[in-house]
Amino acid sequence: MVSPYVRRQRLAAELRKLREERGMMADELAKRIHYSRMKISRLENAHGRPDVADVIKILDTLGVAEGECMRIVRLASAAAERGWWDRFGDSMGVRQKLYADLEFGADTIRDYDPTGIPAVLQNPDFIEALINLDRSNRRVKYAPSQVIEARRRRQSHLLRPDGPSYDTVLDEFVILRLDVPPGVMIEQLRHMVQMVSAEEQLTVRFLRYNARITGGLLPKSSFALYTFPVAEDPDLAVVDTITTDLVHTDPTEVASYKRDYERLQEAALSPDESLAFLTETADQLANEMRQQA
């Protein structure tokens, strides 16, 4: 199964294109099939899981040829599928639910994060420490135990033998600025070294404070890039903001984030240098803890 979210994006574009090719406004289509304008808008903007019966009715109204109709119906069926994350509902966290969906069936994932360690690299104690930190600052809308279990499921999926390649560029302050107890961070850093050394599809690079980024400014937000094995499925750029995640499908916007990522890769330490930096930082923290004991 490929990400239903991605298939909804593709279905939306296909339906919108078919309507516009026939010179029909959305209001007219809605009137012909006795649907609300809002219902057509939701389908054409990939808002929510589609009803295959609705899609068939739209295709019939637009007079789509049988072969093309069958192709779109198969796409709608894929867009309507439910993944394991749907069983968790919002208890695993709304934002984590989106990422679980996007990761499913991805071919490559590239991630830039100036503020945190990616979920795939987190060990259980670190996850629990982050949840405790979050709960101390605000009222959370998720179930901590469900967040931990969902993150474990995501890690298992991403690290399967035929899983996607995962490349991340992290700001050095992600591991130098201690948001969790030092002992937890030390074990987390050693866990990252073990994981990246053992898993061929994982690559970590660190961006040092004095890195020189040519041809552009440092991105202001975390973002992730996703590609998929089926050429018709759109590449995605997902930008992390304070309250939500913005998903970009426009090829021009996605290309801009791809160029940013390539510049970050060039400015960062090499994968081998990054592993050495992780090990050095873990050892330094351990020495500081011993001195303070």
C-alpha atoms as a PDB file:
ATOM      1  CA  MET A   1       0.000   0.000   0.000  1.00  0.00           C
ATOM      2  CA  VAL A   2       1.222   3.475  -0.886  1.00  0.00           C
ATOM      3  CA  SER A   3       0.396   6.456   1.328  1.00  0.00           C
ATOM      4  CA  PRO A   4      -3.372   7.125   1.060  1.00  0.00           C
ATOM      5  CA  TYR A   5      -2.592  10.801   1.647  1.00  0.00           C
ATOM      6  CA  VAL A   6      -0.409  10.870  -1.475  1.00  0.00           C
ATOM      7  CA  ARG A   7      -3.053   9.065  -3.509  1.00  0.00           C
ATOM      8  CA  ARG A   8      -5.670  11.601  -2.342  1.00  0.00           C
ATOM      9  CA  GLN A   9      -3.446  14.381  -3.645  1.00  0.00           C
ATOM     10  CA  ARG A  10      -3.166  12.647  -6.998  1.00  0.00           C
ATOM     11  CA  LEU A  11      -6.898  11.890  -7.150  1.00  0.00           C
ATOM     12  CA  ALA A  12      -7.725  15.533  -6.414  1.00  0.00           C
ATOM     13  CA  ALA A  13      -5.510  16.729  -9.264  1.00  0.00           C
ATOM     14  CA  GLU A  14      -7.027  14.174 -11.671  1.00  0.00           C
ATOM     15  CA  LEU A  15     -10.638  15.132 -10.854  1.00  0.00           C
ATOM     16  CA  ARG A  16      -9.905  18.841 -11.114  1.00  0.00           C
ATOM     17  CA  LYS A  17      -8.162  18.337 -14.471  1.00  0.00           C
ATOM     18  CA  LEU A  18     -11.045  16.270 -15.893  1.00  0.00           C
ATOM     19  CA  ARG A  19     -13.591  18.929 -14.917  1.00  0.00           C
ATOM     20  CA  GLU A  20     -11.527  21.832 -16.264  1.00  0.00           C
ATOM     21  CA  GLU A  21     -10.847  20.012 -19.555  1.00  0.00           C
ATOM     22  CA  ARG A  22     -14.609  19.975 -20.109  1.00  0.00           C
ATOM     23  CA  GLY A  23     -14.947  23.663 -19.367  1.00  0.00           C
ATOM     24  CA  MET A  24     -17.194  23.033 -16.396  1.00  0.00           C
ATOM     25  CA  MET A  25     -17.187  25.105 -13.232  1.00  0.00           C
ATOM     26  CA  ALA A  26     -17.295  23.353  -9.863  1.00  0.00           C
ATOM     27  CA  ASP A  27     -20.671  24.948  -9.090  1.00  0.00           C
ATOM     28  CA  GLU A  28     -22.160  23.517 -12.284  1.00  0.00           C
ATOM     29  CA  LEU A  29     -20.810  20.027 -11.558  1.00  0.00           C
ATOM     30  CA  ALA A  30     -22.216  20.145  -8.038  1.00  0.00           C
ATOM     31  CA  LYS A  31     -25.621  21.232  -9.356  1.00  0.00           C
ATOM     32  CA  ARG A  32     -25.743  18.445 -11.958  1.00  0.00           C
ATOM     33  CA  ILE A  33     -25.146  15.676  -9.434  1.00  0.00           C
ATOM     34  CA  HIS A  34     -27.038  17.337  -6.574  1.00  0.00           C
ATOM     35  CA  TYR A  35     -23.978  17.721  -4.364  1.00  0.00           C
ATOM     36  CA  SER A  36     -22.913  20.766  -2.402  1.00  0.00           C
ATOM     37  CA  ARG A  37     -20.159  22.953  -3.818  1.00  0.00           C
ATOM     38  CA  MET A  38     -18.226  22.203  -0.618  1.00  0.00           C
ATOM     39  CA  LYS A  39     -18.263  18.463  -1.321  1.00  0.00           C
ATOM     40  CA  ILE A  40     -16.716  18.972  -4.763  1.00  0.00           C
ATOM     41  CA  SER A  41     -14.155  21.342  -3.271  1.00  0.00           C
ATOM     42  CA  ARG A  42     -13.141  18.826  -0.622  1.00  0.00           C
ATOM     43  CA  LEU A  43     -12.575  16.123  -3.231  1.00  0.00           C
ATOM     44  CA  GLU A  44     -10.592  18.420  -5.521  1.00  0.00           C
ATOM     45  CA  ASN A  45      -8.430  19.642  -2.650  1.00  0.00           C
ATOM     46  CA  ALA A  46      -7.801  16.225  -1.059  1.00  0.00           C
ATOM     47  CA  HIS A  47      -9.553  17.139   2.177  1.00  0.00           C
ATOM     48  CA  GLY A  48     -10.552  13.885   3.799  1.00  0.00           C
ATOM     49  CA  ARG A  49     -10.974  10.293   2.651  1.00  0.00           C
ATOM     50  CA  PRO A  50     -12.962  10.054  -0.613  1.00  0.00           C
ATOM     51  CA  ASP A  51     -16.136   8.029  -1.088  1.00  0.00           C
ATOM     52  CA  VAL A  52     -15.590   5.872  -4.184  1.00  0.00           C
ATOM     53  CA  ALA A  53     -19.321   6.089  -5.020  1.00  0.00           C
ATOM     54  CA  ASP A  54     -19.040   9.885  -5.145  1.00  0.00           C
ATOM     55  CA  VAL A  55     -16.068   9.655  -7.478  1.00  0.00           C
ATOM     56  CA  ILE A  56     -17.924   7.274  -9.813  1.00  0.00           C
ATOM     57  CA  LYS A  57     -20.882   9.664  -9.963  1.00  0.00           C
ATOM     58  CA  ILE A  58     -18.594  12.566 -10.870  1.00  0.00           C
ATOM     59  CA  LEU A  59     -16.874  10.539 -13.589  1.00  0.00           C
ATOM     60  CA  ASP A  60     -20.235   9.507 -15.076  1.00  0.00           C
ATOM     61  CA  THR A  61     -21.416  13.116 -15.073  1.00  0.00           C
ATOM     62  CA  LEU A  62     -18.238  14.266 -16.788  1.00  0.00           C
ATOM     63  CA  GLY A  63     -18.604  11.543 -19.417  1.00  0.00           C
ATOM     64  CA  VAL A  64     -15.198   9.985 -18.772  1.00  0.00           C
ATOM     65  CA  ALA A  65     -14.346   7.041 -21.051  1.00  0.00           C
ATOM     66  CA  GLU A  66     -14.562   3.557 -19.532  1.00  0.00           C
ATOM     67  CA  GLY A  67     -10.820   2.814 -19.451  1.00  0.00           C
ATOM     68  CA  GLU A  68      -9.995   6.181 -17.894  1.00  0.00           C
ATOM     69  CA  CYS A  69     -12.898   5.790 -15.495  1.00  0.00           C
ATOM     70  CA  MET A  70     -11.632   2.432 -14.236  1.00  0.00           C
ATOM     71  CA  ARG A  71      -8.161   3.900 -13.666  1.00  0.00           C
ATOM     72  CA  ILE A  72      -9.554   6.787 -11.606  1.00  0.00           C
ATOM     73  CA  VAL A  73     -11.789   4.450  -9.593  1.00  0.00           C
ATOM     74  CA  ARG A  74      -8.771   2.292  -8.691  1.00  0.00           C
ATOM     75  CA  LEU A  75      -6.959   5.457  -7.629  1.00  0.00           C
ATOM     76  CA  ALA A  76      -9.959   6.505  -5.499  1.00  0.00           C
ATOM     77  CA  SER A  77     -10.013   3.074  -3.843  1.00  0.00           C
ATOM     78  CA  ALA A  78      -6.320   3.435  -2.939  1.00  0.00           C
ATOM     79  CA  ALA A  79      -6.973   6.966  -1.640  1.00  0.00           C
ATOM     80  CA  ALA A  80      -9.754   5.649   0.584  1.00  0.00           C
ATOM     81  CA  GLU A  81      -7.664   2.913   2.233  1.00  0.00           C
ATOM     82  CA  ARG A  82      -6.945   3.028   5.950  1.00  0.00           C
ATOM     83  CA  GLY A  83      -3.499   2.507   7.439  1.00  0.00           C
ATOM     84  CA  TRP A  84      -2.441   1.211  10.844  1.00  0.00           C
ATOM     85  CA  TRP A  85      -2.247   4.809  12.076  1.00  0.00           C
ATOM     86  CA  ASP A  86      -6.005   5.266  11.604  1.00  0.00           C
ATOM     87  CA  ARG A  87      -6.644   2.746  14.370  1.00  0.00           C
ATOM     88  CA  PHE A  88      -4.835   5.082  16.779  1.00  0.00           C
ATOM     89  CA  GLY A  89      -6.928   8.104  15.825  1.00  0.00           C
ATOM     90  CA  ASP A  90      -5.652  11.384  17.252  1.00  0.00           C
ATOM     91  CA  SER A  91      -4.322   9.631  20.373  1.00  0.00           C
ATOM     92  CA  MET A  92      -0.926   9.210  18.664  1.00  0.00           C
ATOM     93  CA  GLY A  93      -0.804  12.932  17.898  1.00  0.00           C
ATOM     94  CA  VAL A  94      -2.301  14.517  14.783  1.00  0.00           C
ATOM     95  CA  ARG A  95       1.052  15.528  13.369  1.00  0.00           C
ATOM     96  CA  GLN A  96       2.651  12.128  13.938  1.00  0.00           C
ATOM     97  CA  LYS A  97      -0.362  10.551  12.222  1.00  0.00           C
ATOM     98  CA  LEU A  98       0.345  12.592   9.080  1.00  0.00           C
ATOM     99  CA  TYR A  99       4.013  11.584   9.046  1.00  0.00           C
ATOM    100  CA  ALA A 100       3.148   7.902   9.475  1.00  0.00           C
ATOM    101  CA  ASP A 101       0.862   8.165   6.447  1.00  0.00           C
ATOM    102  CA  LEU A 102       3.474   9.931   4.293  1.00  0.00           C
ATOM    103  CA  GLU A 103       6.219   7.474   5.234  1.00  0.00           C
ATOM    104  CA  PHE A 104       4.146   4.509   4.121  1.00  0.00           C
ATOM    105  CA  GLY A 105       5.329   3.473   0.666  1.00  0.00           C
ATOM    106  CA  ALA A 106       7.876   6.292   0.370  1.00  0.00           C
ATOM    107  CA  ASP A 107      10.962   5.606  -1.717  1.00  0.00           C
ATOM    108  CA  THR A 108      13.202   8.306  -0.222  1.00  0.00           C
ATOM    109  CA  ILE A 109      12.893  10.646   2.766  1.00  0.00           C
ATOM    110  CA  ARG A 110      15.191  13.610   3.289  1.00  0.00           C
ATOM    111  CA  ASP A 111      14.819  15.652   6.429  1.00  0.00           C
ATOM    112  CA  TYR A 112      16.319  18.887   7.789  1.00  0.00           C
ATOM    113  CA  ASP A 113      15.805  19.641  11.459  1.00  0.00           C
ATOM    114  CA  PRO A 114      17.395  22.524  13.398  1.00  0.00           C
ATOM    115  CA  THR A 115      15.507  21.735  16.621  1.00  0.00           C
ATOM    116  CA  GLY A 116      15.061  18.016  17.215  1.00  0.00           C
ATOM    117  CA  ILE A 117      16.173  14.445  16.577  1.00  0.00           C
ATOM    118  CA  PRO A 118      14.007  12.635  13.979  1.00  0.00           C
ATOM    119  CA  ALA A 119      11.525  10.094  15.308  1.00  0.00           C
ATOM    120  CA  VAL A 120      13.181   7.194  13.489  1.00  0.00           C
ATOM    121  CA  LEU A 121      16.393   7.766  15.486  1.00  0.00           C
ATOM    122  CA  GLN A 122      14.850   8.154  18.961  1.00  0.00           C
ATOM    123  CA  ASN A 123      15.176   5.488  21.651  1.00  0.00           C
ATOM    124  CA  PRO A 124      12.320   4.787  24.139  1.00  0.00           C
ATOM    125  CA  ASP A 125      13.821   6.725  27.085  1.00  0.00           C
ATOM    126  CA  PHE A 126      14.392   9.775  24.899  1.00  0.00           C
ATOM    127  CA  ILE A 127      10.812   9.637  23.575  1.00  0.00           C
ATOM    128  CA  GLU A 128       9.470   9.438  27.121  1.00  0.00           C
ATOM    129  CA  ALA A 129      11.653  12.360  28.226  1.00  0.00           C
ATOM    130  CA  LEU A 130      10.342  14.493  25.345  1.00  0.00           C
ATOM    131  CA  ILE A 131       6.754  13.659  26.255  1.00  0.00           C
ATOM    132  CA  ASN A 132       7.368  14.599  29.897  1.00  0.00           C
ATOM    133  CA  LEU A 133       8.906  17.875  28.753  1.00  0.00           C
ATOM    134  CA  ASP A 134       5.931  18.583  26.501  1.00  0.00           C
ATOM    135  CA  ARG A 135       3.433  17.790  29.268  1.00  0.00           C
ATOM    136  CA  SER A 136       5.235  20.108  31.698  1.00  0.00           C
ATOM    137  CA  ASN A 137       4.791  23.033  29.290  1.00  0.00           C
ATOM    138  CA  ARG A 138       1.235  22.573  28.062  1.00  0.00           C
ATOM    139  CA  ARG A 139      -1.877  20.439  28.124  1.00  0.00           C
ATOM    140  CA  VAL A 140      -1.328  17.721  25.555  1.00  0.00           C
ATOM    141  CA  LYS A 141      -4.027  16.329  23.259  1.00  0.00           C
ATOM    142  CA  TYR A 142      -2.533  12.885  22.804  1.00  0.00           C
ATOM    143  CA  ALA A 143      -2.091   9.723  24.881  1.00  0.00           C
ATOM    144  CA  PRO A 144       1.599   9.305  25.835  1.00  0.00           C
ATOM    145  CA  SER A 145       1.491   5.503  25.682  1.00  0.00           C
ATOM    146  CA  GLN A 146      -0.059   5.669  22.216  1.00  0.00           C
ATOM    147  CA  VAL A 147       2.580   8.134  21.033  1.00  0.00           C
ATOM    148  CA  ILE A 148       5.351   5.774  22.137  1.00  0.00           C
ATOM    149  CA  GLU A 149       3.719   2.739  20.514  1.00  0.00           C
ATOM    150  CA  ALA A 150       3.032   4.628  17.261  1.00  0.00           C
ATOM    151  CA  ARG A 151       6.615   5.848  17.107  1.00  0.00           C
ATOM    152  CA  ARG A 152       7.815   2.282  17.560  1.00  0.00           C
ATOM    153  CA  ARG A 153       5.569   1.211  14.676  1.00  0.00           C
ATOM    154  CA  ARG A 154       6.961   3.981  12.477  1.00  0.00           C
ATOM    155  CA  GLN A 155      10.527   2.944  13.255  1.00  0.00           C
ATOM    156  CA  SER A 156       9.772  -0.695  12.478  1.00  0.00           C
ATOM    157  CA  HIS A 157       8.243   0.273   9.147  1.00  0.00           C
ATOM    158  CA  LEU A 158      11.033   2.633   8.115  1.00  0.00           C
ATOM    159  CA  LEU A 159      13.786   0.176   9.030  1.00  0.00           C
ATOM    160  CA  ARG A 160      12.335  -2.848   7.246  1.00  0.00           C
ATOM    161  CA  PRO A 161      14.684  -4.435   4.646  1.00  0.00           C
ATOM    162  CA  ASP A 162      12.862  -2.815   1.712  1.00  0.00           C
ATOM    163  CA  GLY A 163      12.232   0.447   3.556  1.00  0.00           C
ATOM    164  CA  PRO A 164      12.984   3.911   2.184  1.00  0.00           C
ATOM    165  CA  SER A 165      16.378   5.549   2.270  1.00  0.00           C
ATOM    166  CA  TYR A 166      16.383   8.122   5.079  1.00  0.00           C
ATOM    167  CA  ASP A 167      18.814  11.018   4.948  1.00  0.00           C
ATOM    168  CA  THR A 168      18.792  13.729   7.596  1.00  0.00           C
ATOM    169  CA  VAL A 169      20.719  16.949   8.192  1.00  0.00           C
ATOM    170  CA  LEU A 170      20.653  18.108  11.817  1.00  0.00           C
ATOM    171  CA  ASP A 171      21.842  21.328  13.366  1.00  0.00           C
ATOM    172  CA  GLU A 172      24.545  20.624  15.941  1.00  0.00           C
ATOM    173  CA  PHE A 173      22.490  22.366  18.642  1.00  0.00           C
ATOM    174  CA  VAL A 174      19.993  19.487  18.424  1.00  0.00           C
ATOM    175  CA  ILE A 175      22.430  17.455  20.528  1.00  0.00           C
ATOM    176  CA  LEU A 176      24.388  20.237  22.273  1.00  0.00           C
ATOM    177  CA  ARG A 177      21.414  22.053  23.784  1.00  0.00           C
ATOM    178  CA  LEU A 178      20.126  19.719  26.506  1.00  0.00           C
ATOM    179  CA  ASP A 179      16.323  19.603  26.719  1.00  0.00           C
ATOM    180  CA  VAL A 180      16.429  16.190  28.419  1.00  0.00           C
ATOM    181  CA  PRO A 181      18.567  14.877  31.346  1.00  0.00           C
ATOM    182  CA  PRO A 182      22.236  14.376  30.384  1.00  0.00           C
ATOM    183  CA  GLY A 183      22.120  10.633  30.997  1.00  0.00           C
ATOM    184  CA  VAL A 184      19.170  10.277  28.629  1.00  0.00           C
ATOM    185  CA  MET A 185      20.955  12.292  25.955  1.00  0.00           C
ATOM    186  CA  ILE A 186      24.158  10.255  26.285  1.00  0.00           C
ATOM    187  CA  GLU A 187      22.262   7.011  25.673  1.00  0.00           C
ATOM    188  CA  GLN A 188      20.331   8.645  22.835  1.00  0.00           C
ATOM    189  CA  LEU A 189      23.536   9.710  21.081  1.00  0.00           C
ATOM    190  CA  ARG A 190      25.050   6.243  21.457  1.00  0.00           C
ATOM    191  CA  HIS A 191      21.803   4.752  20.173  1.00  0.00           C
ATOM    192  CA  MET A 192      22.062   6.960  17.064  1.00  0.00           C
ATOM    193  CA  VAL A 193      25.641   5.837  16.426  1.00  0.00           C
ATOM    194  CA  GLN A 194      24.606   2.183  16.677  1.00  0.00           C
ATOM    195  CA  MET A 195      21.572   2.624  14.445  1.00  0.00           C
ATOM    196  CA  VAL A 196      23.288   4.582  11.685  1.00  0.00           C
ATOM    197  CA  SER A 197      26.254   2.210  11.721  1.00  0.00           C
ATOM    198  CA  ALA A 198      23.979  -0.839  11.429  1.00  0.00           C
ATOM    199  CA  GLU A 199      21.319   0.410   8.992  1.00  0.00           C
ATOM    200  CA  GLU A 200      22.509   1.101   5.441  1.00  0.00           C
ATOM    201  CA  GLN A 201      19.468   3.187   4.528  1.00  0.00           C
ATOM    202  CA  LEU A 202      20.114   5.701   7.341  1.00  0.00           C
ATOM    203  CA  THR A 203      22.427   8.683   6.830  1.00  0.00           C
ATOM    204  CA  VAL A 204      22.997  11.469   9.362  1.00  0.00           C
ATOM    205  CA  ARG A 205      24.874  14.695   8.730  1.00  0.00           C
ATOM    206  CA  PHE A 206      25.469  17.514  11.209  1.00  0.00           C
ATOM    207  CA  LEU A 207      25.538  21.179  10.343  1.00  0.00           C
ATOM    208  CA  ARG A 208      28.131  22.891  12.526  1.00  0.00           C
ATOM    209  CA  TYR A 209      27.682  26.445  13.801  1.00  0.00           C
ATOM    210  CA  ASN A 210      30.420  27.728  11.466  1.00  0.00           C
ATOM    211  CA  ALA A 211      29.179  25.934   8.319  1.00  0.00           C
ATOM    212  CA  ARG A 212      29.161  28.003   5.139  1.00  0.00           C
ATOM    213  CA  ILE A 213      25.986  27.594   3.100  1.00  0.00           C
ATOM    214  CA  THR A 214      26.571  28.726  -0.465  1.00  0.00           C
ATOM    215  CA  GLY A 215      23.854  30.128  -2.680  1.00  0.00           C
ATOM    216  CA  GLY A 216      21.199  30.710  -0.042  1.00  0.00           C
ATOM    217  CA  LEU A 217      20.207  31.457   3.541  1.00  0.00           C
ATOM    218  CA  LEU A 218      19.666  28.905   6.287  1.00  0.00           C
ATOM    219  CA  PRO A 219      16.028  27.644   6.113  1.00  0.00           C
ATOM    220  CA  LYS A 220      13.849  29.087   8.856  1.00  0.00           C
ATOM    221  CA  SER A 221      11.915  25.870   9.555  1.00  0.00           C
ATOM    222  CA  SER A 222      12.321  22.127   9.632  1.00  0.00           C
ATOM    223  CA  PHE A 223      11.198  20.393   6.464  1.00  0.00           C
ATOM    224  CA  ALA A 224      11.082  16.926   4.927  1.00  0.00           C
ATOM    225  CA  LEU A 225      11.105  15.758   1.309  1.00  0.00           C
ATOM    226  CA  TYR A 226       9.336  12.603   0.147  1.00  0.00           C
ATOM    227  CA  THR A 227       9.533  10.749  -3.152  1.00  0.00           C
ATOM    228  CA  PHE A 228       7.554   7.672  -4.156  1.00  0.00           C
ATOM    229  CA  PRO A 229       8.256   4.734  -6.491  1.00  0.00           C
ATOM    230  CA  VAL A 230       5.283   5.439  -8.797  1.00  0.00           C
ATOM    231  CA  ALA A 231       6.155   8.304 -11.146  1.00  0.00           C
ATOM    232  CA  GLU A 232       2.604   9.696 -11.143  1.00  0.00           C
ATOM    233  CA  ASP A 233       2.608  10.182  -7.365  1.00  0.00           C
ATOM    234  CA  PRO A 234       3.746  13.734  -6.559  1.00  0.00           C
ATOM    235  CA  ASP A 235       6.962  14.510  -4.700  1.00  0.00           C
ATOM    236  CA  LEU A 236       6.172  16.309  -1.446  1.00  0.00           C
ATOM    237  CA  ALA A 237       7.809  18.936   0.721  1.00  0.00           C
ATOM    238  CA  VAL A 238       6.418  19.088   4.271  1.00  0.00           C
ATOM    239  CA  VAL A 239       7.288  22.184   6.293  1.00  0.00           C
ATOM    240  CA  ASP A 240       7.091  22.122  10.085  1.00  0.00           C
ATOM    241  CA  THR A 241       5.575  25.217  11.710  1.00  0.00           C
ATOM    242  CA  ILE A 242       4.746  25.886  15.371  1.00  0.00           C
ATOM    243  CA  THR A 243       1.155  24.658  15.125  1.00  0.00           C
ATOM    244  CA  THR A 244       0.864  22.578  11.945  1.00  0.00           C
ATOM    245  CA  ASP A 245       2.643  20.954   9.009  1.00  0.00           C
ATOM    246  CA  LEU A 246       2.323  22.516   5.564  1.00  0.00           C
ATOM    247  CA  VAL A 247       2.333  20.006   2.695  1.00  0.00           C
ATOM    248  CA  HIS A 248       3.555  21.358  -0.650  1.00  0.00           C
ATOM    249  CA  THR A 249       2.839  19.449  -3.866  1.00  0.00           C
ATOM    250  CA  ASP A 250       3.501  22.186  -6.420  1.00  0.00           C
ATOM    251  CA  PRO A 251       6.624  21.088  -8.370  1.00  0.00           C
ATOM    252  CA  THR A 252       8.143  24.585  -8.266  1.00  0.00           C
ATOM    253  CA  GLU A 253       7.809  24.841  -4.487  1.00  0.00           C
ATOM    254  CA  VAL A 254       9.097  21.303  -3.959  1.00  0.00           C
ATOM    255  CA  ALA A 255      12.087  21.991  -6.236  1.00  0.00           C
ATOM    256  CA  SER A 256      12.984  25.015  -4.107  1.00  0.00           C
ATOM    257  CA  TYR A 257      13.154  22.871  -0.972  1.00  0.00           C
ATOM    258  CA  LYS A 258      15.192  20.251  -2.834  1.00  0.00           C
ATOM    259  CA  ARG A 259      17.772  22.902  -3.725  1.00  0.00           C
ATOM    260  CA  ASP A 260      17.857  24.047  -0.102  1.00  0.00           C
ATOM    261  CA  TYR A 261      18.474  20.489   1.043  1.00  0.00           C
ATOM    262  CA  GLU A 262      21.315  19.974  -1.407  1.00  0.00           C
ATOM    263  CA  ARG A 263      23.000  23.139  -0.114  1.00  0.00           C
ATOM    264  CA  LEU A 264      22.612  21.926   3.465  1.00  0.00           C
ATOM    265  CA  GLN A 265      24.144  18.552   2.570  1.00  0.00           C
ATOM    266  CA  GLU A 266      27.147  20.258   0.984  1.00  0.00           C
ATOM    267  CA  ALA A 267      27.694  22.485   4.025  1.00  0.00           C
ATOM    268  CA  ALA A 268      27.298  19.728   6.618  1.00  0.00           C
ATOM    269  CA  LEU A 269      29.861  17.286   7.930  1.00  0.00           C
ATOM    270  CA  SER A 270      30.258  14.064   5.981  1.00  0.00           C
ATOM    271  CA  PRO A 271      28.422  10.964   7.311  1.00  0.00           C
ATOM    272  CA  ASP A 272      31.678   9.588   8.815  1.00  0.00           C
ATOM    273  CA  GLU A 273      32.546  12.944  10.381  1.00  0.00           C
ATOM    274  CA  SER A 274      29.012  13.163  11.769  1.00  0.00           C
ATOM    275  CA  LEU A 275      29.271   9.758  13.464  1.00  0.00           C
ATOM    276  CA  ALA A 276      32.564  10.844  14.993  1.00  0.00           C
ATOM    277  CA  PHE A 277      30.911  14.062  16.208  1.00  0.00           C
ATOM    278  CA  LEU A 278      28.109  12.031  17.836  1.00  0.00           C
ATOM    279  CA  THR A 279      30.591   9.768  19.606  1.00  0.00           C
ATOM    280  CA  GLU A 280      32.731  12.701  20.745  1.00  0.00           C
ATOM    281  CA  THR A 281      29.707  14.576  22.115  1.00  0.00           C
ATOM    282  CA  ALA A 282      28.435  11.511  23.998  1.00  0.00           C
ATOM    283  CA  ASP A 283      31.883  10.940  25.558  1.00  0.00           C
ATOM    284  CA  GLN A 284      32.173  14.608  26.527  1.00  0.00           C
ATOM    285  CA  LEU A 285      28.764  14.578  28.230  1.00  0.00           C
ATOM    286  CA  ALA A 286      29.688  11.374  30.086  1.00  0.00           C
ATOM    287  CA  ASN A 287      32.939  12.939  31.325  1.00  0.00           C
ATOM    288  CA  GLU A 288      31.062  16.027  32.529  1.00  0.00           C
ATOM    289  CA  MET A 289      28.591  13.846  34.431  1.00  0.00           C
ATOM    290  CA  ARG A 290      31.418  11.935  36.132  1.00  0.00           C
ATOM    291  CA  GLN A 291      33.115  15.192  37.167  1.00  0.00           C
ATOM    292  CA  GLN A 292      29.867  16.522  38.641  1.00  0.00           C
ATOM    293  CA  ALA A 293      29.120  13.308  40.561  1.00  0.00           C
END
